[in-house]
Amino acid sequence: MSDVELTAAEAARWALRAGLPLESERHAEVAATANHIHAVVRTLRELDFGETPPATHTIEAGATDGSL
């Protein structure tokens, strides 16, 4: 992952490419959010989990409404 931050113009261009045109006043907010997400992912990738096994997930037998 690159350390270069996404600009407001780039965020608008990527959103449009994905079929999600943004109002001009939202470009900076979207860029800031994307940059924050990239920073969090970058931090998570640096973690050494070593021998930590993956988490397990179980569903209670009584849950029939789709909630977990």
C-alpha atoms as a PDB file:
ATOM      1  CA  MET A   1       0.000   0.000   0.000  1.00  0.00           C
ATOM      2  CA  SER A   2       1.299   3.426  -0.864  1.00  0.00           C
ATOM      3  CA  ASP A   3       1.915   6.126   1.754  1.00  0.00           C
ATOM      4  CA  VAL A   4       0.686   8.772  -0.702  1.00  0.00           C
ATOM      5  CA  GLU A   5      -2.672  10.158   0.386  1.00  0.00           C
ATOM      6  CA  LEU A   6      -5.676  10.287  -1.910  1.00  0.00           C
ATOM      7  CA  THR A   7      -6.620  13.813  -2.977  1.00  0.00           C
ATOM      8  CA  ALA A   8     -10.170  15.133  -3.208  1.00  0.00           C
ATOM      9  CA  ALA A   9      -9.966  15.149  -7.019  1.00  0.00           C
ATOM     10  CA  GLU A  10      -8.739  11.557  -7.090  1.00  0.00           C
ATOM     11  CA  ALA A  11     -11.530  10.475  -4.736  1.00  0.00           C
ATOM     12  CA  ALA A  12     -14.078  12.081  -7.058  1.00  0.00           C
ATOM     13  CA  ARG A  13     -12.530  10.391 -10.082  1.00  0.00           C
ATOM     14  CA  TRP A  14     -12.483   6.946  -8.424  1.00  0.00           C
ATOM     15  CA  ALA A  15     -16.057   7.341  -7.191  1.00  0.00           C
ATOM     16  CA  LEU A  16     -17.236   8.303 -10.667  1.00  0.00           C
ATOM     17  CA  ARG A  17     -15.366   5.344 -12.129  1.00  0.00           C
ATOM     18  CA  ALA A  18     -17.223   3.090  -9.670  1.00  0.00           C
ATOM     19  CA  GLY A  19     -20.539   4.590 -10.773  1.00  0.00           C
ATOM     20  CA  LEU A  20     -20.955   6.711  -7.634  1.00  0.00           C
ATOM     21  CA  PRO A  21     -20.839  10.349  -8.690  1.00  0.00           C
ATOM     22  CA  LEU A  22     -20.219  12.656  -5.715  1.00  0.00           C
ATOM     23  CA  GLU A  23     -21.372  16.173  -5.062  1.00  0.00           C
ATOM     24  CA  SER A  24     -18.358  18.494  -5.132  1.00  0.00           C
ATOM     25  CA  GLU A  25     -18.626  19.397  -1.439  1.00  0.00           C
ATOM     26  CA  ARG A  26     -18.191  15.713  -0.499  1.00  0.00           C
ATOM     27  CA  HIS A  27     -14.904  15.109  -2.348  1.00  0.00           C
ATOM     28  CA  ALA A  28     -12.682  16.139   0.580  1.00  0.00           C
ATOM     29  CA  GLU A  29     -14.726  14.121   3.107  1.00  0.00           C
ATOM     30  CA  VAL A  30     -14.560  10.996   0.971  1.00  0.00           C
ATOM     31  CA  ALA A  31     -10.815  11.430   0.440  1.00  0.00           C
ATOM     32  CA  ALA A  32     -10.253  11.875   4.190  1.00  0.00           C
ATOM     33  CA  THR A  33     -12.316   8.775   4.966  1.00  0.00           C
ATOM     34  CA  ALA A  34     -10.468   6.689   2.381  1.00  0.00           C
ATOM     35  CA  ASN A  35      -7.121   7.882   3.732  1.00  0.00           C
ATOM     36  CA  HIS A  36      -8.166   6.937   7.268  1.00  0.00           C
ATOM     37  CA  ILE A  37      -9.266   3.467   6.142  1.00  0.00           C
ATOM     38  CA  HIS A  38      -5.941   2.980   4.335  1.00  0.00           C
ATOM     39  CA  ALA A  39      -4.059   4.000   7.495  1.00  0.00           C
ATOM     40  CA  VAL A  40      -5.990   1.484   9.601  1.00  0.00           C
ATOM     41  CA  VAL A  41      -5.452  -1.320   7.069  1.00  0.00           C
ATOM     42  CA  ARG A  42      -1.750  -0.436   6.854  1.00  0.00           C
ATOM     43  CA  THR A  43      -1.509  -0.711  10.664  1.00  0.00           C
ATOM     44  CA  LEU A  44      -3.338  -4.052  10.703  1.00  0.00           C
ATOM     45  CA  ARG A  45      -1.016  -5.447   8.050  1.00  0.00           C
ATOM     46  CA  GLU A  46       1.974  -4.621  10.245  1.00  0.00           C
ATOM     47  CA  LEU A  47       0.689  -6.691  13.171  1.00  0.00           C
ATOM     48  CA  ASP A  48       2.408 -10.004  13.782  1.00  0.00           C
ATOM     49  CA  PHE A  49      -0.175 -12.557  14.780  1.00  0.00           C
ATOM     50  CA  GLY A  50       2.397 -15.324  14.890  1.00  0.00           C
ATOM     51  CA  GLU A  51       0.784 -18.538  16.048  1.00  0.00           C
ATOM     52  CA  THR A  52      -2.591 -16.959  16.845  1.00  0.00           C
ATOM     53  CA  PRO A  53      -5.315 -19.262  15.510  1.00  0.00           C
ATOM     54  CA  PRO A  54      -8.223 -17.765  13.571  1.00  0.00           C
ATOM     55  CA  ALA A  55     -11.310 -16.884  15.586  1.00  0.00           C
ATOM     56  CA  THR A  56     -14.291 -19.186  15.479  1.00  0.00           C
ATOM     57  CA  HIS A  57     -17.913 -18.195  15.220  1.00  0.00           C
ATOM     58  CA  THR A  58     -20.911 -20.130  16.438  1.00  0.00           C
ATOM     59  CA  ILE A  59     -24.594 -19.400  15.957  1.00  0.00           C
ATOM     60  CA  GLU A  60     -26.937 -19.990  18.839  1.00  0.00           C
ATOM     61  CA  ALA A  61     -29.444 -22.758  18.135  1.00  0.00           C
ATOM     62  CA  GLY A  62     -32.416 -20.560  19.063  1.00  0.00           C
ATOM     63  CA  ALA A  63     -31.652 -17.709  16.638  1.00  0.00           C
ATOM     64  CA  THR A  64     -34.198 -18.113  13.859  1.00  0.00           C
ATOM     65  CA  ASP A  65     -34.676 -14.455  12.900  1.00  0.00           C
ATOM     66  CA  GLY A  66     -31.319 -14.137  11.145  1.00  0.00           C
ATOM     67  CA  SER A  67     -29.602 -12.230  13.971  1.00  0.00           C
ATOM     68  CA  LEU A  68     -26.296 -13.447  15.277  1.00  0.00           C
END
